[in-house]
């Protein structure tokens, strides 16, 4: 094919192809700079984008799990606070029972100690009834306390749950709500705080200690799980960034290079388009 042709301009075709390639590369670079992503959608890299979407899903699920665990942290904190107050009050109540176990305390003095004990028991009941967080309570079940029940909270992105059992305040209260007749008898009171199997008050002190240990351990577990999930989220985000984030310093340098190439390509195309004009001189 003759190069000196007005019908076919090979130089212009080559220049145009080169300019199109440069323009396409420039658009891709501008997209990476504007979005901040090397892989912004499936058209950039389908396989990498699919992985990125799965990682994003895991991060979202872990974030949701931590939000739920955060609610349980509040519930456990409230529960442990209530049990701690109950424990302190039980210690005070035991002090009163020790005095009531003394047969030398009679009459008005005994009546006053009985009132003290009953007042402390009433305080314990209030602690149980008020041990609720966001309408949920792990302890209580006294007087129809709302929201009483066990908890099974989602702990990770796979939907696995962590269960927390309840502590029945009603059974506890029934075991320490002694009648005035019982409290007015030194021997009967002594039996309540003794070491025998029927020492009801001491048995409840033991059950209270078990509950405090249980909920304390649960609070520690939930706190550790939240920390673990947060660390995992950070690790996933780091991996996600390495997979799809653009190197903006590199892209900036690439942008300048492509802009220069585009200018040169435009000039080259202009020169190539003018080449057929030189053939006119052959006919002068």
Protein backbone atom coordinates (compact mmCIF):
# COMPACT_ATOMS: atom_id res chain seq x y z
CA UNK A 1 0.00 0.00 0.00
CA UNK A 2 1.37 3.41 -0.93
CA UNK A 3 2.20 5.73 1.94
CA UNK A 4 1.51 8.75 -0.23
CA UNK A 5 -2.28 8.45 -0.24
CA UNK A 6 -5.14 10.77 0.55
CA UNK A 7 -7.48 7.82 1.10
CA UNK A 8 -5.49 6.01 3.76
CA UNK A 9 -3.57 7.90 6.43
CA UNK A 10 -1.65 5.22 8.32
CA UNK A 11 0.14 7.76 10.48
CA UNK A 12 -3.15 9.25 11.64
CA UNK A 13 -4.55 5.78 12.42
CA UNK A 14 -1.53 4.87 14.52
CA UNK A 15 -1.61 8.23 16.32
CA UNK A 16 -5.34 7.86 17.00
CA UNK A 17 -4.92 4.34 18.41
CA UNK A 18 -2.11 5.53 20.66
CA UNK A 19 -4.19 8.50 21.82
CA UNK A 20 -7.16 6.23 22.60
CA UNK A 21 -4.96 3.93 24.71
CA UNK A 22 -3.56 6.92 26.59
CA UNK A 23 -7.04 8.40 27.16
CA UNK A 24 -8.32 5.07 28.48
CA UNK A 25 -5.38 4.77 30.88
CA UNK A 26 -5.90 8.37 31.95
CA UNK A 27 -9.57 7.73 32.74
CA UNK A 28 -8.63 4.67 34.80
CA UNK A 29 -6.03 6.66 36.74
CA UNK A 30 -8.47 9.51 37.37
CA UNK A 31 -11.01 6.98 38.64
CA UNK A 32 -8.49 5.51 41.08
CA UNK A 33 -7.58 8.98 42.34
CA UNK A 34 -11.20 10.16 42.71
CA UNK A 35 -12.38 6.99 44.50
CA UNK A 36 -9.18 6.19 46.37
CA UNK A 37 -9.54 2.57 45.25
CA UNK A 38 -7.46 0.52 42.87
CA UNK A 39 -10.47 -1.80 42.68
CA UNK A 40 -13.60 0.34 42.93
CA UNK A 41 -15.99 -2.13 41.30
CA UNK A 42 -16.12 -5.44 39.49
CA UNK A 43 -15.01 -3.88 36.19
CA UNK A 44 -11.59 -3.10 37.69
CA UNK A 45 -10.89 -6.63 38.98
CA UNK A 46 -13.83 -8.98 39.40
CA UNK A 47 -12.05 -11.52 41.60
CA UNK A 48 -10.52 -8.92 43.93
CA UNK A 49 -13.82 -7.04 44.16
CA UNK A 50 -15.69 -10.23 45.15
CA UNK A 51 -13.18 -10.86 47.94
CA UNK A 52 -13.44 -7.23 49.05
CA UNK A 53 -17.23 -7.42 49.26
CA UNK A 54 -17.01 -10.55 51.42
CA UNK A 55 -14.51 -8.84 53.74
CA UNK A 56 -16.77 -5.78 53.97
CA UNK A 57 -19.65 -8.08 54.88
CA UNK A 58 -17.58 -9.69 57.65
CA UNK A 59 -16.58 -6.29 59.00
CA UNK A 60 -20.21 -5.16 59.06
CA UNK A 61 -21.31 -8.36 60.80
CA UNK A 62 -18.56 -8.07 63.43
CA UNK A 63 -19.49 -4.44 64.03
CA UNK A 64 -23.11 -5.46 64.60
CA UNK A 65 -22.01 -8.24 66.96
CA UNK A 66 -19.98 -5.75 68.98
CA UNK A 67 -22.98 -3.46 69.22
CA UNK A 68 -25.03 -6.30 70.69
CA UNK A 69 -22.21 -7.27 73.02
CA UNK A 70 -22.04 -3.65 74.12
CA UNK A 71 -25.67 -3.85 75.23
CA UNK A 72 -24.89 -7.01 77.18
CA UNK A 73 -21.92 -5.27 78.80
CA UNK A 74 -24.35 -2.69 80.13
CA UNK A 75 -26.70 -5.40 81.37
CA UNK A 76 -23.89 -7.31 83.10
CA UNK A 77 -22.52 -4.14 84.65
CA UNK A 78 -25.97 -3.38 86.07
CA UNK A 79 -26.34 -6.96 87.27
CA UNK A 80 -22.96 -7.03 88.98
CA UNK A 81 -23.63 -3.67 90.61
CA UNK A 82 -26.94 -4.94 91.98
CA UNK A 83 -25.40 -8.17 93.29
CA UNK A 84 -22.57 -6.23 94.91
CA UNK A 85 -25.10 -4.08 96.75
CA UNK A 86 -27.06 -7.18 97.73
CA UNK A 87 -23.86 -8.77 99.02
CA UNK A 88 -23.02 -5.74 101.17
CA UNK A 89 -26.57 -5.66 102.49
CA UNK A 90 -26.48 -9.39 103.23
CA UNK A 91 -23.33 -8.84 105.29
CA UNK A 92 -25.13 -6.16 107.28
CA UNK A 93 -28.13 -8.45 107.68
CA UNK A 94 -25.89 -11.22 108.96
CA UNK A 95 -24.50 -8.86 111.59
CA UNK A 96 -28.05 -8.21 112.77
CA UNK A 97 -28.86 -11.93 112.83
CA UNK A 98 -25.82 -12.60 114.99
CA UNK A 99 -27.21 -10.14 117.52
CA UNK A 100 -30.66 -11.70 117.30
CA UNK A 101 -29.10 -15.10 118.01
CA UNK A 102 -28.13 -13.80 121.45
CA UNK A 103 -30.84 -14.77 123.93
CA UNK A 104 -29.83 -11.87 126.19
CA UNK A 105 -31.34 -9.42 123.72
CA UNK A 106 -35.01 -9.13 124.57
CA UNK A 107 -37.98 -6.80 124.46
CA UNK A 108 -37.73 -3.49 122.64
CA UNK A 109 -34.10 -4.04 121.69
CA UNK A 110 -34.95 -7.31 119.94
CA UNK A 111 -37.91 -5.67 118.18
CA UNK A 112 -35.59 -2.94 116.87
CA UNK A 113 -33.13 -5.50 115.51
CA UNK A 114 -36.00 -7.37 113.87
CA UNK A 115 -37.06 -4.14 112.16
CA UNK A 116 -33.48 -3.50 111.05
CA UNK A 117 -33.26 -6.94 109.49
CA UNK A 118 -36.61 -6.62 107.73
CA UNK A 119 -35.59 -3.20 106.38
CA UNK A 120 -32.37 -4.68 104.99
CA UNK A 121 -34.36 -7.48 103.32
CA UNK A 122 -36.62 -4.85 101.77
CA UNK A 123 -33.54 -3.08 100.39
CA UNK A 124 -32.34 -6.34 98.83
CA UNK A 125 -35.70 -6.74 97.13
CA UNK A 126 -35.38 -3.24 95.68
CA UNK A 127 -31.90 -3.98 94.33
CA UNK A 128 -33.28 -7.04 92.54
CA UNK A 129 -36.26 -5.16 91.12
CA UNK A 130 -34.10 -2.29 89.85
CA UNK A 131 -31.43 -4.48 88.24
CA UNK A 132 -32.58 -3.82 84.68
CA UNK A 133 -30.79 -2.39 81.65
CA UNK A 134 -32.69 -1.26 78.58
CA UNK A 135 -35.76 -3.14 79.81
CA UNK A 136 -33.89 -6.41 80.40
CA UNK A 137 -32.99 -8.04 83.72
CA UNK A 138 -30.99 -11.14 84.58
CA UNK A 139 -32.04 -11.12 88.21
CA UNK A 140 -35.32 -10.45 89.90
CA UNK A 141 -38.57 -12.09 88.88
CA UNK A 142 -40.03 -10.33 91.91
CA UNK A 143 -43.44 -8.78 91.78
CA UNK A 144 -43.69 -9.25 88.02
CA UNK A 145 -40.47 -7.41 87.18
CA UNK A 146 -40.47 -6.74 83.43
CA UNK A 147 -37.85 -8.09 81.07
CA UNK A 148 -36.67 -10.90 83.35
CA UNK A 149 -35.07 -13.74 81.41
CA UNK A 150 -31.90 -15.34 80.12
CA UNK A 151 -29.81 -13.85 77.32
CA UNK A 152 -28.27 -15.42 74.20
CA UNK A 153 -26.22 -12.72 72.49
CA UNK A 154 -24.58 -12.98 69.05
CA UNK A 155 -20.82 -12.83 69.62
CA UNK A 156 -19.25 -13.00 66.13
CA UNK A 157 -19.82 -12.61 62.39
CA UNK A 158 -20.91 -16.25 62.05
CA UNK A 159 -23.90 -15.71 64.33
CA UNK A 160 -22.59 -17.89 67.16
CA UNK A 161 -24.18 -16.99 70.49
CA UNK A 162 -23.07 -16.70 74.10
CA UNK A 163 -25.68 -17.62 76.69
CA UNK A 164 -26.11 -15.99 80.09
CA UNK A 165 -28.42 -17.63 82.62
CA UNK A 166 -30.68 -15.86 85.11
CA UNK A 167 -30.57 -15.59 88.88
CA UNK A 168 -33.96 -16.02 90.53
CA UNK A 169 -34.43 -13.20 92.97
CA UNK A 170 -37.82 -14.59 93.98
CA UNK A 171 -36.32 -17.83 95.28
CA UNK A 172 -33.57 -15.88 97.03
CA UNK A 173 -36.06 -13.55 98.70
CA UNK A 174 -38.25 -16.45 99.81
CA UNK A 175 -35.26 -17.96 101.59
CA UNK A 176 -34.34 -14.84 103.58
CA UNK A 177 -37.79 -13.35 104.29
CA UNK A 178 -38.07 -14.75 107.80
CA UNK A 179 -41.18 -14.19 109.89
CA UNK A 180 -41.16 -12.03 112.99
CA UNK A 181 -41.83 -15.14 115.06
CA UNK A 182 -38.68 -16.79 113.74
CA UNK A 183 -36.59 -13.67 114.30
CA UNK A 184 -37.79 -13.25 117.87
CA UNK A 185 -36.47 -16.67 118.87
CA UNK A 186 -32.74 -16.68 119.56
CA UNK A 187 -32.42 -20.41 118.93
CA UNK A 188 -34.29 -20.28 115.62
CA UNK A 189 -32.15 -17.37 114.44
CA UNK A 190 -28.97 -19.20 115.43
CA UNK A 191 -30.07 -22.08 113.22
CA UNK A 192 -30.37 -19.72 110.24
CA UNK A 193 -26.74 -18.64 110.42
CA UNK A 194 -25.16 -21.87 111.59
CA UNK A 195 -23.21 -24.43 109.61
CA UNK A 196 -25.93 -27.06 109.32
CA UNK A 197 -27.56 -27.87 105.98
CA UNK A 198 -30.71 -26.07 107.09
CA UNK A 199 -28.90 -22.77 107.68
CA UNK A 200 -31.06 -20.94 105.14
CA UNK A 201 -29.40 -17.54 105.37
CA UNK A 202 -25.89 -18.92 104.97
CA UNK A 203 -27.02 -21.05 102.03
CA UNK A 204 -28.19 -17.90 100.25
CA UNK A 205 -24.89 -16.18 100.97
CA UNK A 206 -23.23 -19.08 99.17
CA UNK A 207 -25.62 -18.92 96.21
CA UNK A 208 -25.07 -15.17 96.00
CA UNK A 209 -21.32 -15.68 95.86
CA UNK A 210 -21.77 -18.21 93.06
CA UNK A 211 -23.93 -15.75 91.10
CA UNK A 212 -21.39 -12.96 91.53
CA UNK A 213 -18.65 -15.23 90.24
CA UNK A 214 -20.80 -16.30 87.28
CA UNK A 215 -21.73 -12.79 86.17
CA UNK A 216 -18.25 -11.45 86.86
CA UNK A 217 -16.79 -14.12 84.58
CA UNK A 218 -19.47 -13.35 81.96
CA UNK A 219 -18.59 -9.65 82.03
CA UNK A 220 -14.92 -10.49 81.52
CA UNK A 221 -15.73 -12.85 78.64
CA UNK A 222 -17.90 -10.28 76.88
CA UNK A 223 -15.24 -7.60 77.30
CA UNK A 224 -12.59 -9.92 75.86
CA UNK A 225 -14.87 -10.86 72.96
CA UNK A 226 -15.47 -7.20 72.12
CA UNK A 227 -11.71 -6.59 72.12
CA UNK A 228 -11.12 -9.65 69.95
CA UNK A 229 -13.79 -8.59 67.47
CA UNK A 230 -12.31 -5.09 67.32
CA UNK A 231 -8.84 -6.51 66.64
CA UNK A 232 -10.30 -8.74 63.94
CA UNK A 233 -12.08 -5.78 62.33
CA UNK A 234 -8.78 -3.87 62.25
CA UNK A 235 -7.02 -6.85 60.67
CA UNK A 236 -9.75 -7.28 58.05
CA UNK A 237 -9.67 -3.59 57.18
CA UNK A 238 -5.89 -3.71 56.85
CA UNK A 239 -6.12 -6.65 54.46
CA UNK A 240 -8.94 -4.97 52.57
CA UNK A 241 -6.85 -1.84 52.11
CA UNK A 242 -3.91 -3.82 50.77
CA UNK A 243 -6.24 -5.55 48.32
CA UNK A 244 -8.18 -2.63 46.85
CA UNK A 245 -6.74 0.72 47.94
CA UNK A 246 -4.92 2.86 45.39
CA UNK A 247 -1.36 4.09 45.93
CA UNK A 248 -2.16 7.78 45.50
CA UNK A 249 1.49 8.87 45.28
CA UNK A 250 2.02 6.42 42.44
CA UNK A 251 -1.26 7.40 40.78
CA UNK A 252 -0.36 11.10 40.99
CA UNK A 253 2.91 10.49 39.15
CA UNK A 254 1.09 8.30 36.64
CA UNK A 255 -1.51 11.02 36.08
CA UNK A 256 1.13 13.60 35.19
CA UNK A 257 2.84 11.17 32.83
CA UNK A 258 -0.41 10.29 31.06
CA UNK A 259 -1.44 13.93 30.73
CA UNK A 260 1.87 14.66 28.96
CA UNK A 261 1.42 11.59 26.75
CA UNK A 262 -2.09 12.74 25.91
CA UNK A 263 -0.83 16.17 24.87
CA UNK A 264 1.90 14.62 22.75
CA UNK A 265 -0.58 12.16 21.26
CA UNK A 266 -2.91 15.01 20.32
CA UNK A 267 -0.06 16.87 18.65
CA UNK A 268 1.06 13.71 16.85
CA UNK A 269 -2.47 13.13 15.54
CA UNK A 270 -2.66 16.73 14.38
CA UNK A 271 0.62 16.37 12.49
CA UNK A 272 -0.49 13.08 10.95
CA UNK A 273 -3.76 14.62 9.81
CA UNK A 274 -1.83 17.38 8.03
CA UNK A 275 0.39 14.90 6.11
CA UNK A 276 -1.98 14.53 3.09
CA UNK A 277 -1.81 18.31 2.63
CA UNK A 278 1.84 17.93 1.58
CA UNK A 279 0.72 15.97 -1.48
CA UNK A 280 -0.83 19.13 -2.92
CA UNK A 281 2.65 20.48 -3.60
CA UNK A 282 3.15 17.71 -6.13
CA UNK A 283 0.42 19.24 -8.30
CA UNK A 284 1.67 22.81 -8.31
